[in-house]
C-alpha atoms as a PDB file:
ATOM      1  CA  MET A   1    -261.522 232.773-101.965  1.00  0.00           C
ATOM      2  CA  LYS A   2    -263.955 231.360-103.904  1.00  0.00           C
ATOM      3  CA  SER A   3    -262.010 228.251-103.863  1.00  0.00           C
ATOM      4  CA  PHE A   4    -263.312 227.525-100.901  1.00  0.00           C
ATOM      5  CA  PHE A   5    -267.116 227.394-101.887  1.00  0.00           C
ATOM      6  CA  PHE A   6    -266.312 224.794-104.084  1.00  0.00           C
ATOM      7  CA  ARG A   7    -265.425 222.374-101.691  1.00  0.00           C
ATOM      8  CA  PRO A   8    -269.136 220.769-100.956  1.00  0.00           C
ATOM      9  CA  ILE A   9    -268.930 219.792-104.187  1.00  0.00           C
ATOM     10  CA  VAL A  10    -265.651 218.369-104.203  1.00  0.00           C
ATOM     11  CA  PHE A  11    -266.925 216.576-100.486  1.00  0.00           C
ATOM     12  CA  PHE A  12    -270.050 215.518-101.781  1.00  0.00           C
ATOM     13  CA  ALA A  13    -267.997 214.106-104.814  1.00  0.00           C
ATOM     14  CA  SER A  14    -265.368 212.055-102.495  1.00  0.00           C
ATOM     15  CA  VAL A  15    -269.047 210.719-100.592  1.00  0.00           C
ATOM     16  CA  VAL A  16    -270.503 209.343-103.943  1.00  0.00           C
ATOM     17  CA  ALA A  17    -266.634 208.234-104.531  1.00  0.00           C
ATOM     18  CA  LEU A  18    -266.198 206.334-101.343  1.00  0.00           C
ATOM     19  CA  ALA A  19    -269.635 204.662-101.302  1.00  0.00           C
ATOM     20  CA  SER A  20    -269.505 203.574-105.011  1.00  0.00           C
ATOM     21  CA  CYS A  21    -266.393 201.515-103.650  1.00  0.00           C
ATOM     22  CA  SER A  22    -268.251 199.470-101.398  1.00  0.00           C
ATOM     23  CA  TYR A  23    -272.249 199.795-102.082  1.00  0.00           C
ATOM     24  CA  ARG A  24    -273.452 196.611-101.476  1.00  0.00           C
ATOM     25  CA  GLN A  25    -270.369 194.533-101.661  1.00  0.00           C
ATOM     26  CA  ASN A  26    -271.557 192.550 -98.492  1.00  0.00           C
ATOM     27  CA  ILE A  27    -274.027 190.810 -99.869  1.00  0.00           C
ATOM     28  CA  MET A  28    -273.602 187.166-100.214  1.00  0.00           C
ATOM     29  CA  PHE A  29    -276.749 184.769 -99.519  1.00  0.00           C
ATOM     30  CA  GLN A  30    -279.003 187.313 -98.862  1.00  0.00           C
ATOM     31  CA  VAL A  31    -282.486 187.322-100.899  1.00  0.00           C
ATOM     32  CA  PRO A  32    -285.298 189.837-100.363  1.00  0.00           C
ATOM     33  CA  GLU A  33    -287.178 189.566 -97.758  1.00  0.00           C
ATOM     34  CA  GLY A  34    -290.689 189.680 -96.047  1.00  0.00           C
ATOM     35  CA  THR A  35    -293.399 191.656 -98.387  1.00  0.00           C
ATOM     36  CA  GLN A  36    -290.811 192.355-100.704  1.00  0.00           C
ATOM     37  CA  LEU A  37    -290.422 189.077-101.640  1.00  0.00           C
ATOM     38  CA  GLN A  38    -293.750 188.394-101.987  1.00  0.00           C
ATOM     39  CA  LYS A  39    -294.517 191.258-103.704  1.00  0.00           C
ATOM     40  CA  GLN A  40    -292.069 190.478-106.739  1.00  0.00           C
ATOM     41  CA  VAL A  41    -293.682 187.137-106.703  1.00  0.00           C
ATOM     42  CA  THR A  42    -296.940 188.291-106.757  1.00  0.00           C
ATOM     43  CA  GLU A  43    -295.966 190.852-109.920  1.00  0.00           C
ATOM     44  CA  ALA A  44    -294.006 187.979-111.983  1.00  0.00           C
ATOM     45  CA  GLU A  45    -297.267 186.317-112.208  1.00  0.00           C
ATOM     46  CA  ARG A  46    -299.519 189.387-112.426  1.00  0.00           C
ATOM     47  CA  ASN A  47    -296.797 189.585-115.855  1.00  0.00           C
ATOM     48  CA  TYR A  48    -297.229 186.679-116.423  1.00  0.00           C
ATOM     49  CA  VAL A  49    -298.211 185.040-120.284  1.00  0.00           C
ATOM     50  CA  ILE A  50    -301.379 183.525-120.858  1.00  0.00           C
ATOM     51  CA  GLN A  51    -300.581 180.174-122.741  1.00  0.00           C
ATOM     52  CA  LYS A  52    -302.591 177.383-124.083  1.00  0.00           C
ATOM     53  CA  ASN A  53    -303.623 174.294-121.256  1.00  0.00           C
ATOM     54  CA  ASP A  54    -302.952 176.975-118.119  1.00  0.00           C
ATOM     55  CA  TYR A  55    -305.187 176.951-115.495  1.00  0.00           C
ATOM     56  CA  LEU A  56    -306.963 179.669-114.410  1.00  0.00           C
ATOM     57  CA  LYS A  57    -308.045 180.544-110.722  1.00  0.00           C
ATOM     58  CA  LEU A  58    -310.911 183.336-110.925  1.00  0.00           C
ATOM     59  CA  GLU A  59    -312.236 185.912-108.133  1.00  0.00           C
ATOM     60  CA  VAL A  60    -314.822 188.332-108.617  1.00  0.00           C
ATOM     61  CA  TYR A  61    -315.288 190.616-105.943  1.00  0.00           C
ATOM     62  CA  THR A  62    -318.135 194.011-106.052  1.00  0.00           C
ATOM     63  CA  ASN A  63    -317.650 197.673-105.199  1.00  0.00           C
ATOM     64  CA  ASP A  64    -314.158 197.475-106.148  1.00  0.00           C
ATOM     65  CA  GLY A  65    -313.181 194.905-104.210  1.00  0.00           C
ATOM     66  CA  GLU A  66    -315.923 195.564-100.933  1.00  0.00           C
ATOM     67  CA  LEU A  67    -318.181 192.349-101.645  1.00  0.00           C
ATOM     68  CA  ILE A  68    -317.105 189.003-102.893  1.00  0.00           C
ATOM     69  CA  ILE A  69    -319.217 188.450-105.563  1.00  0.00           C
ATOM     70  CA  ASP A  70    -322.390 186.174-106.133  1.00  0.00           C
ATOM     71  CA  PRO A  71    -324.185 187.242-103.103  1.00  0.00           C
ATOM     72  CA  ASP A  72    -328.028 186.050-105.103  1.00  0.00           C
ATOM     73  CA  LEU A  73    -325.937 183.215-106.236  1.00  0.00           C
ATOM     74  CA  LYS A  74    -326.497 183.830-109.959  1.00  0.00           C
ATOM     75  CA  LEU A  75    -322.958 183.037-110.655  1.00  0.00           C
ATOM     76  CA  LEU A  76    -323.610 179.394-108.976  1.00  0.00           C
ATOM     77  CA  LYS A  77    -326.232 178.556-111.260  1.00  0.00           C
ATOM     78  CA  ASP A  78    -324.569 179.039-114.475  1.00  0.00           C
ATOM     79  CA  MET A  79    -321.679 176.278-113.048  1.00  0.00           C
ATOM     80  CA  PRO A  80    -321.994 172.843-113.992  1.00  0.00           C
ATOM     81  CA  THR A  81    -322.751 170.625-111.388  1.00  0.00           C
ATOM     82  CA  GLN A  82    -322.727 166.698-110.411  1.00  0.00           C
ATOM     83  CA  GLY A  83    -326.074 165.338-108.961  1.00  0.00           C
ATOM     84  CA  ASN A  84    -326.200 167.915-105.708  1.00  0.00           C
ATOM     85  CA  ASP A  85    -322.966 168.947-105.358  1.00  0.00           C
ATOM     86  CA  ILE A  86    -322.276 172.487-106.722  1.00  0.00           C
ATOM     87  CA  GLN A  87    -318.665 173.738-107.481  1.00  0.00           C
ATOM     88  CA  PRO A  88    -318.414 177.067-105.900  1.00  0.00           C
ATOM     89  CA  ASP A  89    -314.365 177.783-106.970  1.00  0.00           C
ATOM     90  CA  PRO A  90    -313.881 176.292-110.244  1.00  0.00           C
ATOM     91  CA  ASP A  91    -310.879 175.883-112.091  1.00  0.00           C
ATOM     92  CA  PHE A  92    -310.899 176.872-116.206  1.00  0.00           C
ATOM     93  CA  LEU A  93    -308.983 175.532-118.886  1.00  0.00           C
ATOM     94  CA  VAL A  94    -307.018 177.969-121.846  1.00  0.00           C
ATOM     95  CA  ASP A  95    -308.331 175.839-124.747  1.00  0.00           C
ATOM     96  CA  ILE A  96    -306.140 174.905-127.493  1.00  0.00           C
ATOM     97  CA  LEU A  97    -307.775 177.887-129.434  1.00  0.00           C
ATOM     98  CA  GLY A  98    -306.401 179.970-126.194  1.00  0.00           C
ATOM     99  CA  ASN A  99    -310.054 180.099-125.156  1.00  0.00           C
ATOM    100  CA  VAL A 100    -311.504 180.470-122.191  1.00  0.00           C
ATOM    101  CA  LYS A 101    -315.156 180.087-120.596  1.00  0.00           C
ATOM    102  CA  PHE A 102    -316.312 181.817-117.961  1.00  0.00           C
ATOM    103  CA  PRO A 103    -319.947 182.249-115.739  1.00  0.00           C
ATOM    104  CA  MET A 104    -321.987 184.295-116.967  1.00  0.00           C
ATOM    105  CA  ILE A 105    -319.789 186.224-119.377  1.00  0.00           C
ATOM    106  CA  GLY A 106    -318.980 183.509-122.100  1.00  0.00           C
ATOM    107  CA  GLU A 107    -315.712 182.712-123.734  1.00  0.00           C
ATOM    108  CA  PHE A 108    -313.506 184.876-124.176  1.00  0.00           C
ATOM    109  CA  LYS A 109    -309.586 184.623-125.882  1.00  0.00           C
ATOM    110  CA  LEU A 110    -307.132 185.052-123.546  1.00  0.00           C
ATOM    111  CA  GLU A 111    -304.060 183.715-125.004  1.00  0.00           C
ATOM    112  CA  GLY A 112    -301.097 185.716-125.293  1.00  0.00           C
ATOM    113  CA  LEU A 113    -302.572 188.254-122.656  1.00  0.00           C
ATOM    114  CA  THR A 114    -300.805 189.083-118.596  1.00  0.00           C
ATOM    115  CA  ILE A 115    -302.681 188.374-115.907  1.00  0.00           C
ATOM    116  CA  ARG A 116    -302.975 191.702-115.553  1.00  0.00           C
ATOM    117  CA  GLN A 117    -304.365 192.323-119.116  1.00  0.00           C
ATOM    118  CA  ALA A 118    -307.198 189.476-119.296  1.00  0.00           C
ATOM    119  CA  GLU A 119    -307.734 190.883-114.999  1.00  0.00           C
ATOM    120  CA  GLU A 120    -309.059 194.184-117.391  1.00  0.00           C
ATOM    121  CA  VAL A 121    -310.638 192.487-119.710  1.00  0.00           C
ATOM    122  CA  LEU A 122    -313.100 190.790-117.541  1.00  0.00           C
ATOM    123  CA  GLN A 123    -313.719 193.748-115.309  1.00  0.00           C
ATOM    124  CA  LYS A 124    -315.564 195.225-118.106  1.00  0.00           C
ATOM    125  CA  GLU A 125    -317.475 192.231-118.852  1.00  0.00           C
ATOM    126  CA  TYR A 126    -318.766 191.350-115.220  1.00  0.00           C
ATOM    127  CA  ALA A 127    -319.663 195.164-115.237  1.00  0.00           C
ATOM    128  CA  GLN A 128    -323.264 194.375-117.056  1.00  0.00           C
ATOM    129  CA  PHE A 129    -323.937 192.228-114.003  1.00  0.00           C
ATOM    130  CA  TYR A 130    -322.350 193.878-111.022  1.00  0.00           C
ATOM    131  CA  GLN A 131    -321.660 196.929-109.222  1.00  0.00           C
ATOM    132  CA  LYS A 132    -317.886 198.546-110.368  1.00  0.00           C
ATOM    133  CA  PRO A 133    -316.638 194.512-110.365  1.00  0.00           C
ATOM    134  CA  PHE A 134    -312.842 194.024-109.062  1.00  0.00           C
ATOM    135  CA  VAL A 135    -311.206 190.327-110.087  1.00  0.00           C
ATOM    136  CA  MET A 136    -308.752 188.995-109.326  1.00  0.00           C
ATOM    137  CA  LEU A 137    -307.076 185.817-111.612  1.00  0.00           C
ATOM    138  CA  ARG A 138    -304.322 183.638-110.860  1.00  0.00           C
ATOM    139  CA  TYR A 139    -302.930 181.053-112.771  1.00  0.00           C
ATOM    140  CA  ILE A 140    -303.175 178.049-110.842  1.00  0.00           C
ATOM    141  CA  ASN A 141    -300.312 175.799-113.114  1.00  0.00           C
ATOM    142  CA  LYS A 142    -297.545 174.064-111.759  1.00  0.00           C
ATOM    143  CA  ARG A 143    -294.348 176.340-112.077  1.00  0.00           C
ATOM    144  CA  VAL A 144    -291.434 177.972-110.715  1.00  0.00           C
ATOM    145  CA  ILE A 145    -290.511 181.372-110.371  1.00  0.00           C
ATOM    146  CA  VAL A 146    -287.347 183.418-111.341  1.00  0.00           C
ATOM    147  CA  LEU A 147    -286.675 186.827-109.807  1.00  0.00           C
ATOM    148  CA  GLY A 148    -283.251 188.899-109.388  1.00  0.00           C
ATOM    149  CA  ALA A 149    -281.282 189.286-112.622  1.00  0.00           C
ATOM    150  CA  PRO A 150    -284.161 187.883-115.062  1.00  0.00           C
ATOM    151  CA  GLY A 151    -286.805 190.272-113.443  1.00  0.00           C
ATOM    152  CA  GLY A 152    -289.149 188.281-112.402  1.00  0.00           C
ATOM    153  CA  LYS A 153    -290.522 185.117-114.566  1.00  0.00           C
ATOM    154  CA  ILE A 154    -292.754 181.929-114.596  1.00  0.00           C
ATOM    155  CA  ILE A 155    -291.648 178.935-115.909  1.00  0.00           C
ATOM    156  CA  PRO A 156    -294.126 176.549-116.010  1.00  0.00           C
ATOM    157  CA  LEU A 157    -293.230 172.804-115.354  1.00  0.00           C
ATOM    158  CA  THR A 158    -294.904 170.859-118.712  1.00  0.00           C
ATOM    159  CA  ASN A 159    -293.579 167.583-116.598  1.00  0.00           C
ATOM    160  CA  GLU A 160    -292.101 166.163-113.591  1.00  0.00           C
ATOM    161  CA  ASN A 161    -288.427 165.970-114.536  1.00  0.00           C
ATOM    162  CA  ILE A 162    -287.624 169.649-115.230  1.00  0.00           C
ATOM    163  CA  THR A 163    -284.285 170.198-114.087  1.00  0.00           C
ATOM    164  CA  LEU A 164    -282.628 173.481-112.998  1.00  0.00           C
ATOM    165  CA  ALA A 165    -280.422 174.499-115.774  1.00  0.00           C
ATOM    166  CA  GLU A 166    -283.967 173.906-118.039  1.00  0.00           C
ATOM    167  CA  VAL A 167    -285.423 176.311-116.099  1.00  0.00           C
ATOM    168  CA  LEU A 168    -282.371 178.901-115.682  1.00  0.00           C
ATOM    169  CA  ALA A 169    -282.413 178.296-119.948  1.00  0.00           C
ATOM    170  CA  LEU A 170    -286.094 178.584-120.363  1.00  0.00           C
ATOM    171  CA  ALA A 171    -285.851 181.882-118.253  1.00  0.00           C
ATOM    172  CA  ASN A 172    -282.441 183.361-120.006  1.00  0.00           C
ATOM    173  CA  ALA A 173    -281.862 184.044-116.126  1.00  0.00           C
ATOM    174  CA  ILE A 174    -278.291 182.964-117.136  1.00  0.00           C
ATOM    175  CA  ASP A 175    -276.027 186.102-118.679  1.00  0.00           C
ATOM    176  CA  ASN A 176    -273.533 189.047-118.169  1.00  0.00           C
ATOM    177  CA  ASN A 177    -275.747 190.571-115.372  1.00  0.00           C
ATOM    178  CA  SER A 178    -275.813 187.524-113.551  1.00  0.00           C
ATOM    179  CA  ILE A 179    -273.920 185.557-110.480  1.00  0.00           C
ATOM    180  CA  ALA A 180    -273.353 182.255-111.518  1.00  0.00           C
ATOM    181  CA  ASN A 181    -272.115 181.068-108.092  1.00  0.00           C
ATOM    182  CA  ASN A 182    -274.196 182.549-105.488  1.00  0.00           C
ATOM    183  CA  MET A 183    -277.527 181.807-107.038  1.00  0.00           C
ATOM    184  CA  ARG A 184    -280.234 180.601-104.835  1.00  0.00           C
ATOM    185  CA  ILE A 185    -283.746 177.817-104.618  1.00  0.00           C
ATOM    186  CA  LEU A 186    -286.520 178.424-102.246  1.00  0.00           C
ATOM    187  CA  ARG A 187    -288.464 175.952-101.417  1.00  0.00           C
ATOM    188  CA  GLY A 188    -290.719 176.351 -98.069  1.00  0.00           C
ATOM    189  CA  GLU A 189    -288.355 177.035 -95.303  1.00  0.00           C
ATOM    190  CA  GLN A 190    -285.592 175.695 -96.860  1.00  0.00           C
ATOM    191  CA  VAL A 191    -283.157 177.737 -98.642  1.00  0.00           C
ATOM    192  CA  PHE A 192    -280.607 176.099-101.134  1.00  0.00           C
ATOM    193  CA  LEU A 193    -277.310 177.888-102.154  1.00  0.00           C
ATOM    194  CA  VAL A 194    -276.326 176.928-106.269  1.00  0.00           C
ATOM    195  CA  ASP A 195    -273.021 177.677-108.300  1.00  0.00           C
ATOM    196  CA  PHE A 196    -273.045 176.793-111.070  1.00  0.00           C
ATOM    197  CA  SER A 197    -269.865 178.590-112.165  1.00  0.00           C
ATOM    198  CA  THR A 198    -267.852 174.724-111.827  1.00  0.00           C
ATOM    199  CA  LEU A 199    -268.483 172.022-113.871  1.00  0.00           C
ATOM    200  CA  GLU A 200    -268.717 170.328-110.287  1.00  0.00           C
ATOM    201  CA  GLY A 201    -271.207 172.533-108.920  1.00  0.00           C
ATOM    202  CA  TYR A 202    -273.671 172.150-111.712  1.00  0.00           C
ATOM    203  CA  GLN A 203    -272.931 168.389-111.226  1.00  0.00           C
ATOM    204  CA  LYS A 204    -274.229 168.675-107.638  1.00  0.00           C
ATOM    205  CA  SER A 205    -276.532 171.379-107.412  1.00  0.00           C
ATOM    206  CA  ASN A 206    -278.812 171.029-111.074  1.00  0.00           C
ATOM    207  CA  MET A 207    -281.241 169.717-109.030  1.00  0.00           C
ATOM    208  CA  ILE A 208    -285.258 168.616-109.779  1.00  0.00           C
ATOM    209  CA  MET A 209    -287.485 171.668-109.881  1.00  0.00           C
ATOM    210  CA  GLN A 210    -290.997 171.258-107.186  1.00  0.00           C
ATOM    211  CA  PRO A 211    -294.070 173.277-107.737  1.00  0.00           C
ATOM    212  CA  GLY A 212    -293.598 176.805-106.486  1.00  0.00           C
ATOM    213  CA  ASP A 213    -289.970 176.938-106.042  1.00  0.00           C
ATOM    214  CA  ILE A 214    -288.462 179.780-106.078  1.00  0.00           C
ATOM    215  CA  VAL A 215    -285.184 180.817-107.711  1.00  0.00           C
ATOM    216  CA  TYR A 216    -283.204 183.400-107.247  1.00  0.00           C
ATOM    217  CA  VAL A 217    -280.517 184.640-109.624  1.00  0.00           C
ATOM    218  CA  GLU A 218    -278.210 186.864-108.267  1.00  0.00           C
ATOM    219  CA  PRO A 219    -277.726 189.968-110.237  1.00  0.00           C
ATOM    220  CA  VAL A 220    -274.293 191.982-110.710  1.00  0.00           C
ATOM    221  CA  ARG A 221    -273.485 194.206-108.449  1.00  0.00           C
ATOM    222  CA  ARG A 222    -272.378 197.972-110.256  1.00  0.00           C
ATOM    223  CA  PRO A 223    -271.266 199.947-107.329  1.00  0.00           C
ATOM    224  CA  PHE A 224    -270.639 203.418-109.094  1.00  0.00           C
ATOM    225  CA  VAL A 225    -273.777 203.173-111.186  1.00  0.00           C
ATOM    226  CA  GLU A 226    -276.186 202.111-108.343  1.00  0.00           C
ATOM    227  CA  ALA A 227    -274.449 204.721-105.888  1.00  0.00           C
ATOM    228  CA  GLY A 228    -274.411 207.483-108.558  1.00  0.00           C
ATOM    229  CA  ARG A 229    -278.319 207.088-109.025  1.00  0.00           C
ATOM    230  CA  ASP A 230    -278.943 206.990-105.048  1.00  0.00           C
ATOM    231  CA  TYR A 231    -276.769 210.078-104.536  1.00  0.00           C
ATOM    232  CA  ALA A 232    -277.458 211.546-107.519  1.00  0.00           C
ATOM    233  CA  PRO A 233    -280.313 214.335-106.128  1.00  0.00           C
ATOM    234  CA  ILE A 234    -278.018 215.036-102.936  1.00  0.00           C
ATOM    235  CA  LEU A 235    -275.374 215.522-105.487  1.00  0.00           C
ATOM    236  CA  SER A 236    -277.384 217.924-107.345  1.00  0.00           C
ATOM    237  CA  LEU A 237    -278.619 220.069-104.561  1.00  0.00           C
ATOM    238  CA  ALA A 238    -274.590 220.675-103.797  1.00  0.00           C
ATOM    239  CA  ILE A 239    -273.657 221.477-106.791  1.00  0.00           C
ATOM    240  CA  SER A 240    -276.915 223.987-107.602  1.00  0.00           C
ATOM    241  CA  ILE A 241    -276.439 225.575-103.946  1.00  0.00           C
ATOM    242  CA  SER A 242    -272.828 226.053-104.822  1.00  0.00           C
ATOM    243  CA  THR A 243    -273.282 227.847-108.164  1.00  0.00           C
ATOM    244  CA  LEU A 244    -275.627 230.116-106.524  1.00  0.00           C
ATOM    245  CA  ILE A 245    -273.405 231.035-103.861  1.00  0.00           C
ATOM    246  CA  VAL A 246    -270.606 231.506-106.384  1.00  0.00           C
ATOM    247  CA  VAL A 247    -273.063 233.324-108.604  1.00  0.00           C
ATOM    248  CA  LEU A 248    -273.692 235.729-105.829  1.00  0.00           C
ATOM    249  CA  ILE A 249    -270.389 235.950-104.796  1.00  0.00           C
ATOM    250  CA  GLY A 250    -268.835 236.907-107.980  1.00  0.00           C
ATOM    251  CA  TYR A 251    -271.717 239.933-108.000  1.00  0.00           C
END
């Protein structure tokens, strides 16, 4: 009679086992779509570590982002001008010392900080002039974004002839967690399939990178681990209920 109450455990264990055998193994040429891809790109950019000679774009908003900064043209007054030309949206260079000079707040060392960390520093400084400032900082150099197995990295294009192999090496993208024969390059509306698992595939696919390219390196799937993680709450609940029933029956 008691064995009857162990059947839920066996059933859910079987479900997990069967699911793990086929879990996401039908993935071939898919990449994250729509907002999911954009979120990964944004996260990679915000985690980028600022380096010398980078160019940054600054946007500052008041009231936690409600109003754009400079309602009274204070910031524009501090910007360099040529004749009557005012540059309302300048780029800011990270100099050889790792410093960046911003309007109103002056010079700060941002080298070595992520974009997110730099935003926090600047928010505190602009709080001297504006109520609840909200700072958005963007890295605008020529770069390639590598997503997938490496976890999201930005690789600056230091010259015009950087190849895919160099980008992958800089991102440490090819290891035991990567699938080398099913990588993709997203270039605007175009998608290129890349196979680095053979010499022939490497020779055909090792193209010159262009600014704004997104390289997606598909990670190796571990179906049992992933299925176990996804179904763990259900399995745990089934075990808890079954254990409770057995205890009650035992009394």
